[in-house]
Amino acid sequence: MYAAVLQGRSELGQCWNRGLEVSGKIRGVGFLIVVILFGVFFFSFGLGLIGKLFGFGLLACAIFFGLRFFGFSPSEQLHIRRAILHRFEPKKAEGVKGDDGEKAVNYIHREIDRQINKVRGILTFDGILLAVVRLPVDPKACNWWCHQSTELATFALLLSIILSLYLFLVRWGGVSTYDTFYNEFDFKAQHVEVRTVYVNFAVAMAMLAACAAAVGLFTRTLVN
């Protein structure tokens, strides 16, 4: 009887925690929507270049923190890291052997290579779309919506390109990073986790630019 009561309390506590988590996410979504609306307002009606930079900064920050807010938590990332290590651990009690450690590190290296290939695709897409967006247009054929959408697409594409080029930087870490393969694995796994956020952010900026370019093209067609 007492065990059943404890189990019921445990389940009730889990339900309460899940409810708090959902409630927190709802409040977070509401806050991000407000920030996005302010960003769009300042970008569209701000004073010159400073207003546009401030509005776009709000919009980009909202998207970035939205990706972080709904992405993997640090505890989930730690569990994923341990799960990857466990896949390459031998079943003996002495722990991970050298060859098994190298396999784990090589697994991370393959993930980094996959991310680099994705960044190459993002750069190709951004370059093509930027060339299309910046094609000369008759001012009479581009209304207010067309003009604002074109500028938003340009800002988003430039940020995506800069971020993608930044992801090509090579990081080695310190000497202690390579003392054991555990240290090397942790360093490079954290590196992959950070790069994942940046890759997703670059993709989000490219998607925002594509949507803005589509709005600009549609409104330009309506004017014509």
Protein backbone atom coordinates (compact mmCIF):
# COMPACT_ATOMS: atom_id res chain seq x y z
CA MET A 1 0.00 0.00 0.00
CA TYR A 2 2.77 2.40 0.99
CA ALA A 3 4.73 1.54 -2.17
CA ALA A 4 1.66 2.27 -4.28
CA VAL A 5 1.27 5.65 -2.59
CA LEU A 6 4.93 6.48 -3.25
CA GLN A 7 4.59 5.42 -6.87
CA GLY A 8 1.49 7.60 -7.23
CA ARG A 9 3.32 10.57 -5.76
CA SER A 10 6.25 9.95 -8.10
CA GLU A 11 3.97 9.85 -11.14
CA LEU A 12 2.19 12.98 -9.93
CA GLY A 13 5.54 14.73 -9.53
CA GLN A 14 6.59 13.71 -13.03
CA CYS A 15 3.30 15.02 -14.45
CA TRP A 16 3.80 18.28 -12.55
CA ASN A 17 7.35 18.65 -13.91
CA ARG A 18 6.16 17.97 -17.45
CA GLY A 19 3.42 20.55 -16.99
CA LEU A 20 5.95 23.12 -15.82
CA GLU A 21 8.17 22.29 -18.78
CA VAL A 22 5.31 22.74 -21.24
CA SER A 23 4.22 25.95 -19.51
CA GLY A 24 7.76 27.28 -19.70
CA LYS A 25 7.97 26.49 -23.41
CA ILE A 26 4.64 28.23 -24.05
CA ARG A 27 5.89 31.35 -22.26
CA GLY A 28 9.14 31.10 -24.19
CA VAL A 29 7.29 30.91 -27.50
CA GLY A 30 5.21 33.95 -26.55
CA PHE A 31 8.33 35.94 -25.65
CA LEU A 32 10.07 34.96 -28.91
CA ILE A 33 7.01 35.99 -30.93
CA VAL A 34 7.01 39.40 -29.24
CA VAL A 35 10.73 39.87 -29.95
CA ILE A 36 10.23 38.82 -33.59
CA LEU A 37 7.38 41.31 -34.00
CA PHE A 38 9.52 44.10 -32.52
CA GLY A 39 12.36 43.09 -34.84
CA VAL A 40 10.14 43.21 -37.91
CA PHE A 41 8.74 46.59 -36.79
CA PHE A 42 12.16 48.20 -36.27
CA PHE A 43 13.48 46.69 -39.50
CA SER A 44 10.54 48.03 -41.50
CA PHE A 45 10.00 51.41 -39.83
CA GLY A 46 13.33 52.08 -38.12
CA LEU A 47 15.44 55.15 -38.72
CA GLY A 48 17.74 54.35 -41.60
CA LEU A 49 20.46 51.73 -41.48
CA ILE A 50 20.73 51.76 -37.67
CA GLY A 51 17.05 50.93 -37.31
CA LYS A 52 17.32 48.11 -39.81
CA LEU A 53 20.41 46.68 -38.12
CA PHE A 54 18.71 46.85 -34.72
CA GLY A 55 15.52 45.24 -36.03
CA PHE A 56 17.40 42.51 -37.85
CA GLY A 57 19.52 41.92 -34.74
CA LEU A 58 16.37 41.36 -32.67
CA LEU A 59 14.99 39.03 -35.31
CA ALA A 60 18.22 37.02 -35.59
CA CYS A 61 18.61 36.77 -31.79
CA ALA A 62 15.03 35.53 -31.45
CA ILE A 63 15.63 32.83 -34.05
CA PHE A 64 18.97 31.84 -32.51
CA PHE A 65 17.63 31.54 -28.97
CA GLY A 66 14.57 29.76 -30.31
CA LEU A 67 16.85 27.11 -31.79
CA ARG A 68 18.71 26.86 -28.48
CA PHE A 69 15.51 26.82 -26.43
CA PHE A 70 13.90 23.99 -28.39
CA GLY A 71 17.14 22.11 -29.09
CA PHE A 72 18.98 19.60 -26.95
CA SER A 73 19.57 20.61 -23.36
CA PRO A 74 23.11 20.29 -21.88
CA SER A 75 22.03 17.20 -19.94
CA GLU A 76 20.68 15.58 -23.12
CA GLN A 77 23.92 16.39 -24.92
CA LEU A 78 25.86 14.76 -22.09
CA HIS A 79 23.70 11.63 -22.32
CA ILE A 80 24.25 11.48 -26.09
CA ARG A 81 28.01 11.80 -25.55
CA ARG A 82 28.00 8.95 -23.04
CA ALA A 83 25.85 6.81 -25.33
CA ILE A 84 28.36 7.26 -28.18
CA LEU A 85 31.25 6.32 -25.91
CA HIS A 86 29.35 3.29 -24.64
CA ARG A 87 28.97 2.00 -28.21
CA PHE A 88 32.73 1.72 -28.57
CA GLU A 89 33.54 0.43 -25.09
CA PRO A 90 34.62 -3.20 -24.78
CA LYS A 91 32.67 -5.41 -22.42
CA LYS A 92 35.67 -6.00 -20.19
CA ALA A 93 36.18 -4.27 -16.87
CA GLU A 94 39.48 -2.57 -17.75
CA GLY A 95 37.72 0.19 -19.68
CA VAL A 96 38.21 1.57 -23.14
CA LYS A 97 41.17 0.35 -25.15
CA GLY A 98 43.20 2.58 -27.43
CA ASP A 99 41.65 1.25 -30.62
CA ASP A 100 38.15 1.69 -29.23
CA GLY A 101 38.95 5.27 -28.25
CA GLU A 102 40.19 5.99 -31.76
CA LYS A 103 36.95 4.61 -33.16
CA ALA A 104 34.95 6.96 -30.95
CA VAL A 105 37.06 9.96 -32.00
CA ASN A 106 36.81 8.98 -35.66
CA TYR A 107 33.02 8.85 -35.27
CA ILE A 108 33.11 12.51 -34.19
CA HIS A 109 35.43 13.32 -37.10
CA ARG A 110 32.86 11.88 -39.51
CA GLU A 111 30.17 14.07 -37.96
CA ILE A 112 32.36 17.13 -38.46
CA ASP A 113 32.91 16.14 -42.11
CA ARG A 114 29.14 15.82 -42.59
CA GLN A 115 28.63 19.28 -41.15
CA ILE A 116 31.27 20.71 -43.47
CA ASN A 117 29.47 19.18 -46.46
CA LYS A 118 26.21 20.73 -45.26
CA VAL A 119 27.90 24.12 -44.90
CA ARG A 120 29.15 23.86 -48.49
CA GLY A 121 25.58 23.31 -49.62
CA ILE A 122 24.39 26.29 -47.57
CA LEU A 123 27.06 28.52 -49.13
CA THR A 124 26.08 27.42 -52.63
CA PHE A 125 22.41 28.11 -51.95
CA ASP A 126 23.17 31.46 -50.32
CA GLY A 127 25.36 32.57 -53.22
CA ILE A 128 22.78 31.71 -55.86
CA LEU A 129 19.92 33.31 -53.94
CA LEU A 130 21.96 36.44 -53.19
CA ALA A 131 22.73 36.87 -56.89
CA VAL A 132 19.02 36.55 -57.68
CA VAL A 133 17.92 38.92 -54.91
CA ARG A 134 20.39 41.62 -55.93
CA LEU A 135 19.44 41.66 -59.60
CA PRO A 136 18.72 45.21 -60.80
CA VAL A 137 15.02 46.07 -60.55
CA ASP A 138 13.10 49.03 -61.91
CA PRO A 139 12.24 51.20 -58.84
CA LYS A 140 8.75 51.75 -60.25
CA ALA A 141 8.18 47.98 -60.34
CA CYS A 142 9.14 47.44 -56.67
CA ASN A 143 6.71 48.65 -54.01
CA TRP A 144 7.33 49.00 -50.26
CA TRP A 145 6.83 45.27 -49.58
CA CYS A 146 9.20 44.32 -52.37
CA HIS A 147 11.86 46.73 -51.13
CA GLN A 148 11.69 45.63 -47.48
CA SER A 149 11.63 41.93 -48.38
CA THR A 150 14.68 42.30 -50.63
CA GLU A 151 16.64 44.07 -47.90
CA LEU A 152 15.64 41.47 -45.30
CA ALA A 153 16.72 38.66 -47.63
CA THR A 154 20.05 40.39 -48.22
CA PHE A 155 20.73 40.83 -44.49
CA ALA A 156 19.81 37.21 -43.74
CA LEU A 157 21.93 35.84 -46.59
CA LEU A 158 24.98 37.86 -45.57
CA LEU A 159 24.70 36.63 -41.98
CA SER A 160 24.28 33.04 -43.18
CA ILE A 161 27.33 33.33 -45.44
CA ILE A 162 29.51 34.86 -42.71
CA LEU A 163 28.44 32.21 -40.22
CA SER A 164 29.04 29.42 -42.74
CA LEU A 165 32.55 30.68 -43.48
CA TYR A 166 33.22 30.89 -39.74
CA LEU A 167 32.42 27.18 -39.44
CA PHE A 168 35.42 26.39 -41.66
CA LEU A 169 37.82 27.63 -38.97
CA VAL A 170 40.01 24.86 -37.54
CA ARG A 171 40.31 24.41 -33.78
CA TRP A 172 42.94 22.24 -32.14
CA GLY A 173 42.53 22.94 -28.43
CA GLY A 174 45.34 22.83 -25.88
CA VAL A 175 48.03 20.25 -25.21
CA SER A 176 45.99 18.66 -22.42
CA THR A 177 43.23 17.99 -24.94
CA TYR A 178 45.27 15.15 -26.41
CA ASP A 179 46.58 13.58 -23.19
CA THR A 180 43.86 10.92 -23.34
CA PHE A 181 41.29 10.06 -25.95
CA TYR A 182 38.61 10.84 -23.34
CA ASN A 183 39.75 14.47 -23.32
CA GLU A 184 39.96 14.56 -27.10
CA PHE A 185 36.55 12.97 -27.46
CA ASP A 186 34.94 15.44 -25.02
CA PHE A 187 36.58 18.42 -26.72
CA LYS A 188 35.52 17.40 -30.21
CA ALA A 189 32.06 16.29 -29.11
CA GLN A 190 31.48 19.72 -27.56
CA HIS A 191 32.82 21.22 -30.78
CA VAL A 192 30.25 19.26 -32.80
CA GLU A 193 27.46 20.34 -30.45
CA VAL A 194 28.33 24.03 -30.87
CA ARG A 195 28.72 23.66 -34.62
CA THR A 196 25.31 21.97 -34.82
CA VAL A 197 23.67 25.07 -33.37
CA TYR A 198 25.52 27.33 -35.81
CA VAL A 199 24.69 25.14 -38.80
CA ASN A 200 21.01 25.15 -37.85
CA PHE A 201 21.15 28.93 -37.41
CA ALA A 202 22.74 29.37 -40.84
CA VAL A 203 20.02 27.18 -42.36
CA ALA A 204 17.34 29.20 -40.53
CA MET A 205 18.79 32.44 -41.95
CA ALA A 206 18.81 30.93 -45.44
CA MET A 207 15.17 29.86 -45.02
CA LEU A 208 14.25 33.35 -43.81
CA ALA A 209 16.00 34.84 -46.84
CA ALA A 210 14.20 32.45 -49.19
CA CYS A 211 10.82 33.38 -47.69
CA ALA A 212 11.62 37.10 -47.87
CA ALA A 213 12.80 36.74 -51.48
CA ALA A 214 9.58 34.91 -52.36
CA VAL A 215 7.52 37.73 -50.83
CA GLY A 216 9.56 40.29 -52.74
CA LEU A 217 9.12 38.43 -56.02
CA PHE A 218 5.38 37.97 -55.43
CA THR A 219 4.77 41.63 -54.62
CA ARG A 220 6.91 42.67 -57.58
CA THR A 221 4.78 40.49 -59.82
CA LEU A 222 1.62 42.05 -58.41
CA VAL A 223 2.95 45.52 -59.17
CA ASN A 224 3.74 44.56 -62.73
